[in-house]
Amino acid sequence: MVYTFNIDDSTEKGQAILNLLKSFGMLEKGNPDIDIPIWQKEEVQRRIEELDKDPQSGINFNQSMDRLGAKYGL
C-alpha cells in the first residue's frame, strides 16, 4: 500500500517527520512511475527563465482559466 502526504518542511515538526521517514528509507519525492519527456522539462525551464527576466509577463491562475475558457468556449 502506498500513501501520499503533504508535509510542510518549513516547520520543525515537518522536518522531524521527514527525517524519521528518511531514516526508515521510506521517503520518495515525486512519482517514479511518471516519465516526463526531456522536451517538457526544457520547456518548463525556458518558461521559468523567461519569467525570471520579466516577472510582469506572467499571468495568474484566474487569467489563465479565463483565456482557456475564451479559446475553447468553456
Protein backbone atom coordinates (compact mmCIF):
# COMPACT_ATOMS: atom_id res chain seq x y z
CA MET A 1 0.00 0.00 0.00
CA VAL A 2 1.28 3.47 -0.89
CA TYR A 3 0.29 6.65 0.91
CA THR A 4 0.90 10.22 -0.21
CA PHE A 5 1.22 13.03 2.33
CA ASN A 6 1.86 16.74 2.10
CA ILE A 7 4.36 17.70 4.80
CA ASP A 8 5.29 21.32 5.47
CA ASP A 9 9.08 21.15 5.53
CA SER A 10 9.36 24.77 6.69
CA THR A 11 8.35 23.77 10.23
CA GLU A 12 10.33 21.97 12.90
CA LYS A 13 7.70 19.23 13.16
CA GLY A 14 7.67 18.77 9.39
CA GLN A 15 11.45 18.40 9.33
CA ALA A 16 11.29 15.87 12.17
CA ILE A 17 8.73 13.76 10.28
CA LEU A 18 10.81 13.89 7.09
CA ASN A 19 13.96 12.89 8.96
CA LEU A 20 12.13 9.96 10.57
CA LEU A 21 10.81 8.74 7.23
CA LYS A 22 14.28 9.11 5.68
CA SER A 23 15.82 7.05 8.48
CA PHE A 24 13.46 4.19 7.61
CA GLY A 25 14.16 4.54 3.87
CA MET A 26 10.51 5.33 3.29
CA LEU A 27 10.76 8.69 1.58
CA GLU A 28 10.42 9.30 -2.14
CA LYS A 29 9.96 12.60 -3.89
CA GLY A 30 7.60 12.72 -6.80
CA ASN A 31 6.10 9.80 -8.65
CA PRO A 32 8.72 7.46 -10.13
CA ASP A 33 6.06 5.95 -12.42
CA ILE A 34 5.72 9.21 -14.36
CA ASP A 35 8.27 9.68 -17.12
CA ILE A 36 8.45 13.37 -18.02
CA PRO A 37 9.83 13.89 -21.54
CA ILE A 38 13.04 15.89 -21.93
CA TRP A 39 11.32 18.44 -24.21
CA GLN A 40 8.77 19.18 -21.49
CA LYS A 41 11.45 19.67 -18.83
CA GLU A 42 13.31 22.01 -21.20
CA GLU A 43 10.14 23.98 -21.93
CA VAL A 44 9.43 24.42 -18.23
CA GLN A 45 13.00 25.62 -17.67
CA ARG A 46 12.67 28.07 -20.59
CA ARG A 47 9.45 29.48 -19.16
CA ILE A 48 10.96 29.84 -15.68
CA GLU A 49 13.93 31.73 -17.13
CA GLU A 50 11.59 33.94 -19.16
CA LEU A 51 9.55 34.74 -16.06
CA ASP A 52 12.71 35.47 -14.05
CA LYS A 53 13.77 38.00 -16.71
CA ASP A 54 10.34 39.68 -16.84
CA PRO A 55 8.12 38.87 -13.83
CA GLN A 56 5.35 41.12 -15.18
CA SER A 57 4.97 38.83 -18.21
CA GLY A 58 3.33 36.14 -16.11
CA ILE A 59 -0.39 35.75 -15.55
CA ASN A 60 -2.22 34.30 -12.57
CA PHE A 61 -4.39 31.18 -12.43
CA ASN A 62 -7.68 33.03 -12.94
CA GLN A 63 -6.33 34.84 -16.00
CA SER A 64 -5.14 31.51 -17.40
CA MET A 65 -8.56 29.95 -16.87
CA ASP A 66 -10.27 32.94 -18.49
CA ARG A 67 -8.03 32.64 -21.56
CA LEU A 68 -8.68 28.90 -21.85
CA GLY A 69 -12.40 29.47 -21.45
CA ALA A 70 -12.42 32.10 -24.17
CA LYS A 71 -10.27 30.00 -26.51
CA TYR A 72 -12.27 26.78 -26.12
CA GLY A 73 -15.71 28.21 -25.37
CA LEU A 74 -15.85 26.86 -21.83
